[in-house]
Amino acid sequence: MAEKSLGRLVILGGDLNEASFLDWTESTKNVYDHNGVVMPWHNTLQLDKAGFIDAYRKAYPNPVTHPGFTFPADTPLVPLEKLAWAPDADDRDRIDYIFYLPSDQLELKEVKIIGPKGSIVRNQRVLETSEDPIETHDGVWPTDHKNLLAVFELKD
């Protein structure tokens, strides 16, 4: 919190390789192979306790209509066995994030997923059917993760 105490804006983004406690909730415990589990995932929970806001969940608070899956992305030129961690499961999760500390100088305007509409489910290539905003790309997608793009407005 040293940066905030100096009056600086703080934005943190990246691949945490861990799901979010905001996604493994009562409303999702029986979907996406969560198997009845409500999980207080450590990394996102600690960021939340420190005052950080999850940009995607701020814009799309419902993890059922907007699961925000970023992994595993369907990268068509990569063999399936290199994309799926658990070939017999639905191991889609939102593990890539943009967090920010609230400030009167910063307003979240938009957040969306960048990457292919396809994901890997039970060792199959599938198109996502959620209400998530996914902006597709031209060319070959280079990674097994989808990206996030958040647009903020800076205020005086």
C-alpha atoms as a PDB file:
ATOM      1  CA  MET A   1       0.000   0.000   0.000  1.00  0.00           C
ATOM      2  CA  ALA A   2       3.061   2.233  -0.122  1.00  0.00           C
ATOM      3  CA  GLU A   3       2.180   3.361  -3.649  1.00  0.00           C
ATOM      4  CA  LYS A   4      -1.341   4.374  -2.619  1.00  0.00           C
ATOM      5  CA  SER A   5      -0.003   6.245   0.419  1.00  0.00           C
ATOM      6  CA  LEU A   6       2.167   8.253  -1.997  1.00  0.00           C
ATOM      7  CA  GLY A   7      -0.953   9.243  -3.938  1.00  0.00           C
ATOM      8  CA  ARG A   8      -0.277   6.953  -6.860  1.00  0.00           C
ATOM      9  CA  LEU A   9      -2.814   4.927  -8.789  1.00  0.00           C
ATOM     10  CA  VAL A  10      -2.349   1.179  -8.451  1.00  0.00           C
ATOM     11  CA  ILE A  11      -3.341  -1.311 -11.153  1.00  0.00           C
ATOM     12  CA  LEU A  12      -2.258  -4.959 -11.009  1.00  0.00           C
ATOM     13  CA  GLY A  13      -2.749  -7.352 -13.887  1.00  0.00           C
ATOM     14  CA  GLY A  14      -1.587 -10.794 -14.765  1.00  0.00           C
ATOM     15  CA  ASP A  15      -1.919 -14.539 -14.697  1.00  0.00           C
ATOM     16  CA  LEU A  16      -2.368 -15.717 -11.106  1.00  0.00           C
ATOM     17  CA  ASN A  17      -2.783 -19.383 -12.123  1.00  0.00           C
ATOM     18  CA  GLU A  18      -5.536 -19.644  -9.544  1.00  0.00           C
ATOM     19  CA  ALA A  19      -9.301 -19.256  -9.733  1.00  0.00           C
ATOM     20  CA  SER A  20     -11.204 -16.519  -7.913  1.00  0.00           C
ATOM     21  CA  PHE A  21     -13.220 -16.774  -4.718  1.00  0.00           C
ATOM     22  CA  LEU A  22     -15.733 -14.550  -6.548  1.00  0.00           C
ATOM     23  CA  ASP A  23     -16.255 -17.334  -9.114  1.00  0.00           C
ATOM     24  CA  TRP A  24     -16.453 -20.410  -6.853  1.00  0.00           C
ATOM     25  CA  THR A  25     -19.616 -19.371  -5.027  1.00  0.00           C
ATOM     26  CA  GLU A  26     -22.966 -20.814  -3.974  1.00  0.00           C
ATOM     27  CA  SER A  27     -24.333 -19.886  -7.403  1.00  0.00           C
ATOM     28  CA  THR A  28     -21.616 -21.821  -9.261  1.00  0.00           C
ATOM     29  CA  LYS A  29     -21.001 -24.763  -6.964  1.00  0.00           C
ATOM     30  CA  ASN A  30     -22.910 -27.182  -9.208  1.00  0.00           C
ATOM     31  CA  VAL A  31     -21.619 -26.025 -12.615  1.00  0.00           C
ATOM     32  CA  TYR A  32     -18.306 -26.213 -14.504  1.00  0.00           C
ATOM     33  CA  ASP A  33     -17.276 -29.334 -12.556  1.00  0.00           C
ATOM     34  CA  HIS A  34     -17.078 -27.406  -9.271  1.00  0.00           C
ATOM     35  CA  ASN A  35     -18.629 -30.506  -7.696  1.00  0.00           C
ATOM     36  CA  GLY A  36     -20.522 -28.681  -4.949  1.00  0.00           C
ATOM     37  CA  VAL A  37     -17.463 -26.725  -3.817  1.00  0.00           C
ATOM     38  CA  VAL A  38     -17.499 -23.110  -2.680  1.00  0.00           C
ATOM     39  CA  MET A  39     -13.801 -22.186  -2.534  1.00  0.00           C
ATOM     40  CA  PRO A  40     -12.185 -19.178  -0.841  1.00  0.00           C
ATOM     41  CA  TRP A  41      -9.260 -19.060  -3.294  1.00  0.00           C
ATOM     42  CA  HIS A  42      -6.322 -17.458  -1.492  1.00  0.00           C
ATOM     43  CA  ASN A  43      -4.807 -14.994  -3.996  1.00  0.00           C
ATOM     44  CA  THR A  44      -7.980 -13.181  -4.992  1.00  0.00           C
ATOM     45  CA  LEU A  45      -9.304 -13.251  -1.433  1.00  0.00           C
ATOM     46  CA  GLN A  46      -6.137 -11.592  -0.115  1.00  0.00           C
ATOM     47  CA  LEU A  47      -6.255  -8.936  -2.841  1.00  0.00           C
ATOM     48  CA  ASP A  48      -9.894  -8.255  -1.966  1.00  0.00           C
ATOM     49  CA  LYS A  49      -9.036  -7.958   1.738  1.00  0.00           C
ATOM     50  CA  ALA A  50      -6.285  -5.481   0.806  1.00  0.00           C
ATOM     51  CA  GLY A  51      -8.891  -3.286  -0.902  1.00  0.00           C
ATOM     52  CA  PHE A  52      -8.250  -4.216  -4.536  1.00  0.00           C
ATOM     53  CA  ILE A  53     -11.200  -4.359  -6.936  1.00  0.00           C
ATOM     54  CA  ASP A  54     -11.438  -7.155  -9.493  1.00  0.00           C
ATOM     55  CA  ALA A  55     -12.178  -5.185 -12.681  1.00  0.00           C
ATOM     56  CA  TYR A  56     -13.966  -8.042 -14.417  1.00  0.00           C
ATOM     57  CA  ARG A  57     -16.254  -8.809 -11.456  1.00  0.00           C
ATOM     58  CA  LYS A  58     -16.894  -5.076 -10.958  1.00  0.00           C
ATOM     59  CA  ALA A  59     -18.234  -4.878 -14.532  1.00  0.00           C
ATOM     60  CA  TYR A  60     -19.829  -8.358 -14.544  1.00  0.00           C
ATOM     61  CA  PRO A  61     -20.721  -9.410 -10.991  1.00  0.00           C
ATOM     62  CA  ASN A  62     -22.605 -12.575 -11.971  1.00  0.00           C
ATOM     63  CA  PRO A  63     -20.211 -15.550 -12.399  1.00  0.00           C
ATOM     64  CA  VAL A  64     -23.020 -17.678 -13.881  1.00  0.00           C
ATOM     65  CA  THR A  65     -23.864 -15.405 -16.821  1.00  0.00           C
ATOM     66  CA  HIS A  66     -20.310 -14.051 -17.124  1.00  0.00           C
ATOM     67  CA  PRO A  67     -17.838 -16.707 -15.945  1.00  0.00           C
ATOM     68  CA  GLY A  68     -15.004 -14.860 -17.691  1.00  0.00           C
ATOM     69  CA  PHE A  69     -13.006 -17.981 -18.512  1.00  0.00           C
ATOM     70  CA  THR A  70      -9.480 -17.152 -19.600  1.00  0.00           C
ATOM     71  CA  PHE A  71      -8.035 -20.669 -19.484  1.00  0.00           C
ATOM     72  CA  PRO A  72      -7.683 -23.011 -21.301  1.00  0.00           C
ATOM     73  CA  ALA A  73      -8.083 -21.076 -24.540  1.00  0.00           C
ATOM     74  CA  ASP A  74      -8.550 -23.013 -27.742  1.00  0.00           C
ATOM     75  CA  THR A  75      -5.364 -22.497 -29.696  1.00  0.00           C
ATOM     76  CA  PRO A  76      -6.219 -24.446 -32.860  1.00  0.00           C
ATOM     77  CA  LEU A  77      -2.643 -25.101 -33.971  1.00  0.00           C
ATOM     78  CA  VAL A  78      -1.721 -26.691 -30.623  1.00  0.00           C
ATOM     79  CA  PRO A  79      -2.614 -30.362 -30.010  1.00  0.00           C
ATOM     80  CA  LEU A  80      -5.387 -30.851 -27.438  1.00  0.00           C
ATOM     81  CA  GLU A  81      -3.178 -32.893 -25.124  1.00  0.00           C
ATOM     82  CA  LYS A  82      -0.979 -29.817 -24.655  1.00  0.00           C
ATOM     83  CA  LEU A  83      -3.929 -27.570 -23.773  1.00  0.00           C
ATOM     84  CA  ALA A  84      -5.959 -29.609 -21.290  1.00  0.00           C
ATOM     85  CA  TRP A  85      -4.687 -30.190 -17.759  1.00  0.00           C
ATOM     86  CA  ALA A  86      -7.512 -32.546 -16.862  1.00  0.00           C
ATOM     87  CA  PRO A  87      -8.774 -34.161 -20.075  1.00  0.00           C
ATOM     88  CA  ASP A  88     -11.790 -35.746 -18.339  1.00  0.00           C
ATOM     89  CA  ALA A  89     -12.940 -32.510 -16.666  1.00  0.00           C
ATOM     90  CA  ASP A  90     -14.240 -29.052 -17.373  1.00  0.00           C
ATOM     91  CA  ASP A  91     -11.202 -27.208 -16.084  1.00  0.00           C
ATOM     92  CA  ARG A  92     -12.118 -23.784 -17.459  1.00  0.00           C
ATOM     93  CA  ASP A  93     -11.460 -20.986 -15.024  1.00  0.00           C
ATOM     94  CA  ARG A  94     -10.804 -17.296 -14.840  1.00  0.00           C
ATOM     95  CA  ILE A  95      -7.165 -17.128 -13.801  1.00  0.00           C
ATOM     96  CA  ASP A  96      -6.046 -13.938 -15.568  1.00  0.00           C
ATOM     97  CA  TYR A  97      -7.002 -10.662 -13.909  1.00  0.00           C
ATOM     98  CA  ILE A  98      -6.861  -6.906 -13.705  1.00  0.00           C
ATOM     99  CA  PHE A  99      -7.191  -5.481 -10.184  1.00  0.00           C
ATOM    100  CA  TYR A 100      -7.074  -1.866  -9.086  1.00  0.00           C
ATOM    101  CA  LEU A 101      -7.191   0.099  -5.872  1.00  0.00           C
ATOM    102  CA  PRO A 102     -10.166   2.479  -5.751  1.00  0.00           C
ATOM    103  CA  SER A 103      -9.381   6.130  -6.283  1.00  0.00           C
ATOM    104  CA  ASP A 104     -11.381   9.267  -7.031  1.00  0.00           C
ATOM    105  CA  GLN A 105      -8.985   9.727  -9.957  1.00  0.00           C
ATOM    106  CA  LEU A 106      -9.752   6.378 -11.598  1.00  0.00           C
ATOM    107  CA  GLU A 107     -12.994   5.105 -13.140  1.00  0.00           C
ATOM    108  CA  LEU A 108     -13.405   1.704 -14.790  1.00  0.00           C
ATOM    109  CA  LYS A 109     -15.152   2.254 -18.130  1.00  0.00           C
ATOM    110  CA  GLU A 110     -14.930  -1.134 -19.842  1.00  0.00           C
ATOM    111  CA  VAL A 111     -13.431  -4.579 -19.474  1.00  0.00           C
ATOM    112  CA  LYS A 112     -13.477  -7.444 -21.938  1.00  0.00           C
ATOM    113  CA  ILE A 113     -11.774 -10.681 -22.813  1.00  0.00           C
ATOM    114  CA  ILE A 114      -9.418 -10.717 -25.776  1.00  0.00           C
ATOM    115  CA  GLY A 115      -8.796 -14.024 -27.533  1.00  0.00           C
ATOM    116  CA  PRO A 116     -10.559 -16.909 -29.191  1.00  0.00           C
ATOM    117  CA  LYS A 117     -14.208 -17.683 -28.428  1.00  0.00           C
ATOM    118  CA  GLY A 118     -13.174 -21.302 -28.062  1.00  0.00           C
ATOM    119  CA  SER A 119     -12.128 -23.113 -24.912  1.00  0.00           C
ATOM    120  CA  ILE A 120     -11.199 -26.692 -24.042  1.00  0.00           C
ATOM    121  CA  VAL A 121     -13.753 -28.795 -22.118  1.00  0.00           C
ATOM    122  CA  ARG A 122     -13.204 -32.510 -21.449  1.00  0.00           C
ATOM    123  CA  ASN A 123     -10.524 -32.636 -24.127  1.00  0.00           C
ATOM    124  CA  GLN A 124     -12.854 -31.090 -26.728  1.00  0.00           C
ATOM    125  CA  ARG A 125     -12.725 -27.747 -28.494  1.00  0.00           C
ATOM    126  CA  VAL A 126     -15.937 -25.838 -27.674  1.00  0.00           C
ATOM    127  CA  LEU A 127     -17.248 -22.353 -28.344  1.00  0.00           C
ATOM    128  CA  GLU A 128     -18.217 -20.345 -25.277  1.00  0.00           C
ATOM    129  CA  THR A 129     -21.938 -19.651 -24.939  1.00  0.00           C
ATOM    130  CA  SER A 130     -21.828 -17.273 -21.964  1.00  0.00           C
ATOM    131  CA  GLU A 131     -22.659 -13.580 -22.075  1.00  0.00           C
ATOM    132  CA  ASP A 132     -18.978 -12.672 -21.668  1.00  0.00           C
ATOM    133  CA  PRO A 133     -17.704  -9.914 -23.952  1.00  0.00           C
ATOM    134  CA  ILE A 134     -15.029 -11.658 -26.021  1.00  0.00           C
ATOM    135  CA  GLU A 135     -13.191  -9.709 -28.690  1.00  0.00           C
ATOM    136  CA  THR A 136     -11.669 -12.078 -31.193  1.00  0.00           C
ATOM    137  CA  HIS A 137      -8.420 -11.520 -33.038  1.00  0.00           C
ATOM    138  CA  ASP A 138      -6.925 -11.900 -36.463  1.00  0.00           C
ATOM    139  CA  GLY A 139      -4.284 -14.515 -37.021  1.00  0.00           C
ATOM    140  CA  VAL A 140      -3.009 -17.301 -34.805  1.00  0.00           C
ATOM    141  CA  TRP A 141      -3.668 -17.033 -31.073  1.00  0.00           C
ATOM    142  CA  PRO A 142      -0.248 -17.507 -29.433  1.00  0.00           C
ATOM    143  CA  THR A 143      -1.107 -18.805 -25.951  1.00  0.00           C
ATOM    144  CA  ASP A 144      -3.352 -21.126 -23.953  1.00  0.00           C
ATOM    145  CA  HIS A 145      -4.698 -18.115 -21.992  1.00  0.00           C
ATOM    146  CA  LYS A 146      -7.118 -15.422 -23.085  1.00  0.00           C
ATOM    147  CA  ASN A 147      -6.234 -11.850 -22.175  1.00  0.00           C
ATOM    148  CA  LEU A 148      -8.170  -9.084 -20.482  1.00  0.00           C
ATOM    149  CA  LEU A 149      -8.417  -5.473 -21.549  1.00  0.00           C
ATOM    150  CA  ALA A 150      -9.645  -2.866 -19.085  1.00  0.00           C
ATOM    151  CA  VAL A 151     -10.230   0.756 -20.043  1.00  0.00           C
ATOM    152  CA  PHE A 152     -10.025   3.329 -17.280  1.00  0.00           C
ATOM    153  CA  GLU A 153     -10.775   7.037 -17.298  1.00  0.00           C
ATOM    154  CA  LEU A 154      -8.308   9.217 -15.442  1.00  0.00           C
ATOM    155  CA  LYS A 155      -9.847  12.170 -13.624  1.00  0.00           C
ATOM    156  CA  ASP A 156      -8.291  15.296 -12.147  1.00  0.00           C
END
